[in-house]
């Protein structure tokens, strides 16, 4: 008995809607965009070369 997996919105955890995948609504989609634009999210970076001043 395989139960269907319910995918959830990463913002509010409600079941997501196909129209707004991976979110449940325009509101959550816009909130996520604002987090990216306001530096609410950050990608970790590691230096590829040592700084010559060190």
PDB file of N, CA and C in Angstrom:
ATOM      1  N   UNK A   1       0.842  -1.186   0.000  1.00  0.00           N
ATOM      2  CA  UNK A   1       0.000   0.000   0.000  1.00  0.00           C
ATOM      3  C   UNK A   1       0.885   1.246   0.000  1.00  0.00           C
ATOM      4  N   UNK A   2       1.017   1.803  -1.150  1.00  0.00           N
ATOM      5  CA  UNK A   2       1.785   3.038  -1.267  1.00  0.00           C
ATOM      6  C   UNK A   2       0.855   4.223  -1.104  1.00  0.00           C
ATOM      7  N   UNK A   3       1.146   5.024  -0.124  1.00  0.00           N
ATOM      8  CA  UNK A   3       0.350   6.234   0.059  1.00  0.00           C
ATOM      9  C   UNK A   3       1.001   7.348  -0.750  1.00  0.00           C
ATOM     10  N   UNK A   4       0.210   8.178  -1.382  1.00  0.00           N
ATOM     11  CA  UNK A   4       0.794   9.259  -2.182  1.00  0.00           C
ATOM     12  C   UNK A   4       1.546  10.248  -1.295  1.00  0.00           C
ATOM     13  N   UNK A   5       2.663  10.705  -1.801  1.00  0.00           N
ATOM     14  CA  UNK A   5       3.465  11.680  -1.072  1.00  0.00           C
ATOM     15  C   UNK A   5       2.856  13.060  -1.294  1.00  0.00           C
ATOM     16  N   UNK A   6       2.597  13.743  -0.207  1.00  0.00           N
ATOM     17  CA  UNK A   6       2.050  15.099  -0.300  1.00  0.00           C
ATOM     18  C   UNK A   6       3.220  16.068  -0.224  1.00  0.00           C
ATOM     19  N   UNK A   7       3.456  16.757  -1.307  1.00  0.00           N
ATOM     20  CA  UNK A   7       4.531  17.748  -1.347  1.00  0.00           C
ATOM     21  C   UNK A   7       4.033  19.018  -0.672  1.00  0.00           C
ATOM     22  N   UNK A   8       4.877  19.602   0.142  1.00  0.00           N
ATOM     23  CA  UNK A   8       4.488  20.768   0.927  1.00  0.00           C
ATOM     24  C   UNK A   8       5.226  22.020   0.464  1.00  0.00           C
ATOM     25  N   UNK A   9       4.584  23.133   0.665  1.00  0.00           N
ATOM     26  CA  UNK A   9       5.158  24.441   0.362  1.00  0.00           C
ATOM     27  C   UNK A   9       6.341  24.681   1.308  1.00  0.00           C
ATOM     28  N   UNK A  10       7.495  25.106   0.801  1.00  0.00           N
ATOM     29  CA  UNK A  10       8.638  25.335   1.682  1.00  0.00           C
ATOM     30  C   UNK A  10       8.482  26.553   2.593  1.00  0.00           C
ATOM     31  N   UNK A  11       7.523  27.401   2.317  1.00  0.00           N
ATOM     32  CA  UNK A  11       7.323  28.605   3.124  1.00  0.00           C
ATOM     33  C   UNK A  11       6.352  28.354   4.274  1.00  0.00           C
ATOM     34  N   UNK A  12       5.154  27.848   3.972  1.00  0.00           N
ATOM     35  CA  UNK A  12       4.121  27.710   5.010  1.00  0.00           C
ATOM     36  C   UNK A  12       3.769  26.258   5.337  1.00  0.00           C
ATOM     37  N   UNK A  13       4.315  25.311   4.587  1.00  0.00           N
ATOM     38  CA  UNK A  13       4.115  23.872   4.809  1.00  0.00           C
ATOM     39  C   UNK A  13       2.726  23.368   4.425  1.00  0.00           C
ATOM     40  N   UNK A  14       1.905  24.168   3.766  1.00  0.00           N
ATOM     41  CA  UNK A  14       0.615  23.689   3.252  1.00  0.00           C
ATOM     42  C   UNK A  14       0.877  22.842   2.010  1.00  0.00           C
ATOM     43  N   UNK A  15      -0.066  21.988   1.626  1.00  0.00           N
ATOM     44  CA  UNK A  15       0.123  21.224   0.380  1.00  0.00           C
ATOM     45  C   UNK A  15       0.283  22.177  -0.800  1.00  0.00           C
ATOM     46  N   UNK A  16       1.228  21.862  -1.652  1.00  0.00           N
ATOM     47  CA  UNK A  16       1.480  22.768  -2.767  1.00  0.00           C
ATOM     48  C   UNK A  16       0.476  22.581  -3.891  1.00  0.00           C
ATOM     49  N   UNK A  17       0.358  23.610  -4.711  1.00  0.00           N
ATOM     50  CA  UNK A  17      -0.580  23.641  -5.825  1.00  0.00           C
ATOM     51  C   UNK A  17       0.240  23.612  -7.110  1.00  0.00           C
ATOM     52  N   UNK A  18      -0.172  22.799  -8.058  1.00  0.00           N
ATOM     53  CA  UNK A  18       0.580  22.628  -9.304  1.00  0.00           C
ATOM     54  C   UNK A  18       0.852  23.959 -10.005  1.00  0.00           C
ATOM     55  N   UNK A  19      -0.109  24.848  -9.977  1.00  0.00           N
ATOM     56  CA  UNK A  19       0.038  26.146 -10.647  1.00  0.00           C
ATOM     57  C   UNK A  19       1.199  26.963 -10.080  1.00  0.00           C
ATOM     58  N   UNK A  20       1.496  26.789  -8.795  1.00  0.00           N
ATOM     59  CA  UNK A  20       2.521  27.589  -8.121  1.00  0.00           C
ATOM     60  C   UNK A  20       3.713  26.752  -7.663  1.00  0.00           C
ATOM     61  N   UNK A  21       3.850  25.552  -8.168  1.00  0.00           N
ATOM     62  CA  UNK A  21       4.910  24.636  -7.733  1.00  0.00           C
ATOM     63  C   UNK A  21       6.253  25.341  -7.692  1.00  0.00           C
ATOM     64  N   UNK A  22       7.008  25.193  -6.631  1.00  0.00           N
ATOM     65  CA  UNK A  22       6.840  24.311  -5.487  1.00  0.00           C
ATOM     66  C   UNK A  22       6.099  24.953  -4.325  1.00  0.00           C
ATOM     67  N   UNK A  23       5.402  26.039  -4.570  1.00  0.00           N
ATOM     68  CA  UNK A  23       4.693  26.751  -3.508  1.00  0.00           C
ATOM     69  C   UNK A  23       3.201  26.450  -3.552  1.00  0.00           C
ATOM     70  N   UNK A  24       2.474  26.946  -2.542  1.00  0.00           N
ATOM     71  CA  UNK A  24       1.033  26.694  -2.486  1.00  0.00           C
ATOM     72  C   UNK A  24       0.227  27.853  -3.058  1.00  0.00           C
ATOM     73  N   UNK A  25       0.850  29.021  -3.170  1.00  0.00           N
ATOM     74  CA  UNK A  25       0.102  30.197  -3.614  1.00  0.00           C
ATOM     75  C   UNK A  25       1.053  31.258  -4.161  1.00  0.00           C
ATOM     76  N   UNK A  26       0.471  32.265  -4.771  1.00  0.00           N
ATOM     77  CA  UNK A  26       1.256  33.398  -5.249  1.00  0.00           C
ATOM     78  C   UNK A  26       1.910  34.110  -4.076  1.00  0.00           C
ATOM     79  N   UNK A  27       1.213  34.170  -2.972  1.00  0.00           N
ATOM     80  CA  UNK A  27       1.736  34.846  -1.780  1.00  0.00           C
ATOM     81  C   UNK A  27       3.044  34.214  -1.322  1.00  0.00           C
ATOM     82  N   UNK A  28       3.068  32.890  -1.204  1.00  0.00           N
ATOM     83  CA  UNK A  28       4.285  32.207  -0.764  1.00  0.00           C
ATOM     84  C   UNK A  28       5.386  32.315  -1.817  1.00  0.00           C
ATOM     85  N   UNK A  29       5.015  32.254  -3.076  1.00  0.00           N
ATOM     86  CA  UNK A  29       5.998  32.400  -4.153  1.00  0.00           C
ATOM     87  C   UNK A  29       6.654  33.778  -4.074  1.00  0.00           C
ATOM     88  N   UNK A  30       5.843  34.815  -3.840  1.00  0.00           N
ATOM     89  CA  UNK A  30       6.373  36.172  -3.737  1.00  0.00           C
ATOM     90  C   UNK A  30       7.212  36.357  -2.476  1.00  0.00           C
ATOM     91  N   UNK A  31       6.815  35.736  -1.382  1.00  0.00           N
ATOM     92  CA  UNK A  31       7.607  35.814  -0.148  1.00  0.00           C
ATOM     93  C   UNK A  31       8.993  35.219  -0.360  1.00  0.00           C
ATOM     94  N   UNK A  32       9.052  34.108  -1.075  1.00  0.00           N
ATOM     95  CA  UNK A  32      10.338  33.481  -1.356  1.00  0.00           C
ATOM     96  C   UNK A  32      11.204  34.395  -2.220  1.00  0.00           C
ATOM     97  N   UNK A  33      10.615  34.996  -3.233  1.00  0.00           N
ATOM     98  CA  UNK A  33      11.356  35.920  -4.093  1.00  0.00           C
ATOM     99  C   UNK A  33      11.898  37.090  -3.279  1.00  0.00           C
ATOM    100  N   UNK A  34      11.085  37.639  -2.394  1.00  0.00           N
ATOM    101  CA  UNK A  34      11.545  38.757  -1.569  1.00  0.00           C
ATOM    102  C   UNK A  34      12.691  38.353  -0.654  1.00  0.00           C
ATOM    103  N   UNK A  35      12.674  37.131  -0.156  1.00  0.00           N
ATOM    104  CA  UNK A  35      13.792  36.662   0.674  1.00  0.00           C
ATOM    105  C   UNK A  35      15.089  36.653  -0.129  1.00  0.00           C
ATOM    106  N   UNK A  36      15.009  36.209  -1.376  1.00  0.00           N
ATOM    107  CA  UNK A  36      16.206  36.220  -2.222  1.00  0.00           C
ATOM    108  C   UNK A  36      16.654  37.649  -2.493  1.00  0.00           C
ATOM    109  N   UNK A  37      15.719  38.527  -2.796  1.00  0.00           N
ATOM    110  CA  UNK A  37      16.073  39.905  -3.137  1.00  0.00           C
ATOM    111  C   UNK A  37      16.576  40.701  -1.940  1.00  0.00           C
ATOM    112  N   UNK A  38      16.112  40.367  -0.740  1.00  0.00           N
ATOM    113  CA  UNK A  38      16.523  41.083   0.470  1.00  0.00           C
ATOM    114  C   UNK A  38      17.674  40.402   1.194  1.00  0.00           C
ATOM    115  N   UNK A  39      18.372  39.496   0.522  1.00  0.00           N
ATOM    116  CA  UNK A  39      19.497  38.759   1.109  1.00  0.00           C
ATOM    117  C   UNK A  39      19.085  37.914   2.306  1.00  0.00           C
ATOM    118  N   UNK A  40      17.840  37.467   2.326  1.00  0.00           N
ATOM    119  CA  UNK A  40      17.395  36.569   3.383  1.00  0.00           C
ATOM    120  C   UNK A  40      17.990  35.182   3.222  1.00  0.00           C
ATOM    121  N   UNK A  41      18.358  34.853   1.993  1.00  0.00           N
ATOM    122  CA  UNK A  41      19.032  33.591   1.709  1.00  0.00           C
ATOM    123  C   UNK A  41      20.463  33.924   1.297  1.00  0.00           C
ATOM    124  N   UNK A  42      21.358  33.033   1.582  1.00  0.00           N
ATOM    125  CA  UNK A  42      22.739  33.212   1.145  1.00  0.00           C
ATOM    126  C   UNK A  42      23.310  31.860   0.760  1.00  0.00           C
ATOM    127  N   UNK A  43      24.084  31.862  -0.278  1.00  0.00           N
ATOM    128  CA  UNK A  43      24.750  30.645  -0.707  1.00  0.00           C
ATOM    129  C   UNK A  43      26.154  30.634  -0.120  1.00  0.00           C
ATOM    130  N   UNK A  44      26.541  29.535   0.499  1.00  0.00           N
ATOM    131  CA  UNK A  44      27.889  29.486   1.070  1.00  0.00           C
ATOM    132  C   UNK A  44      28.928  29.428  -0.049  1.00  0.00           C
ATOM    133  N   UNK A  45      29.995  30.150   0.150  1.00  0.00           N
ATOM    134  CA  UNK A  45      31.080  30.103  -0.823  1.00  0.00           C
ATOM    135  C   UNK A  45      32.375  29.791  -0.094  1.00  0.00           C
ATOM    136  N   UNK A  46      33.253  29.155  -0.789  1.00  0.00           N
ATOM    137  CA  UNK A  46      34.572  28.908  -0.229  1.00  0.00           C
ATOM    138  C   UNK A  46      35.586  29.473  -1.210  1.00  0.00           C
ATOM    139  N   UNK A  47      36.610  30.105  -0.700  1.00  0.00           N
ATOM    140  CA  UNK A  47      37.601  30.696  -1.598  1.00  0.00           C
ATOM    141  C   UNK A  47      38.296  29.605  -2.409  1.00  0.00           C
ATOM    142  N   UNK A  48      38.477  29.864  -3.689  1.00  0.00           N
ATOM    143  CA  UNK A  48      39.133  28.882  -4.546  1.00  0.00           C
ATOM    144  C   UNK A  48      40.647  29.045  -4.511  1.00  0.00           C
ATOM    145  N   UNK A  49      41.110  30.255  -4.253  1.00  0.00           N
ATOM    146  CA  UNK A  49      42.541  30.508  -4.150  1.00  0.00           C
ATOM    147  C   UNK A  49      42.803  31.293  -2.870  1.00  0.00           C
ATOM    148  N   UNK A  50      43.927  31.038  -2.227  1.00  0.00           N
ATOM    149  CA  UNK A  50      44.236  31.816  -1.020  1.00  0.00           C
ATOM    150  C   UNK A  50      44.435  33.287  -1.360  1.00  0.00           C
ATOM    151  N   UNK A  51      44.049  34.128  -0.440  1.00  0.00           N
ATOM    152  CA  UNK A  51      44.194  35.565  -0.612  1.00  0.00           C
ATOM    153  C   UNK A  51      45.685  35.912  -0.569  1.00  0.00           C
ATOM    154  N   UNK A  52      46.226  36.651  -1.551  1.00  0.00           N
ATOM    155  CA  UNK A  52      47.664  36.948  -1.570  1.00  0.00           C
ATOM    156  C   UNK A  52      48.122  37.794  -0.385  1.00  0.00           C
ATOM    157  N   UNK A  53      47.209  38.462   0.288  1.00  0.00           N
ATOM    158  CA  UNK A  53      47.573  39.284   1.442  1.00  0.00           C
ATOM    159  C   UNK A  53      47.819  38.452   2.688  1.00  0.00           C
ATOM    160  N   UNK A  54      47.394  37.196   2.690  1.00  0.00           N
ATOM    161  CA  UNK A  54      47.561  36.347   3.885  1.00  0.00           C
ATOM    162  C   UNK A  54      48.963  35.853   4.019  1.00  0.00           C
TER     163      UNK A  54
END
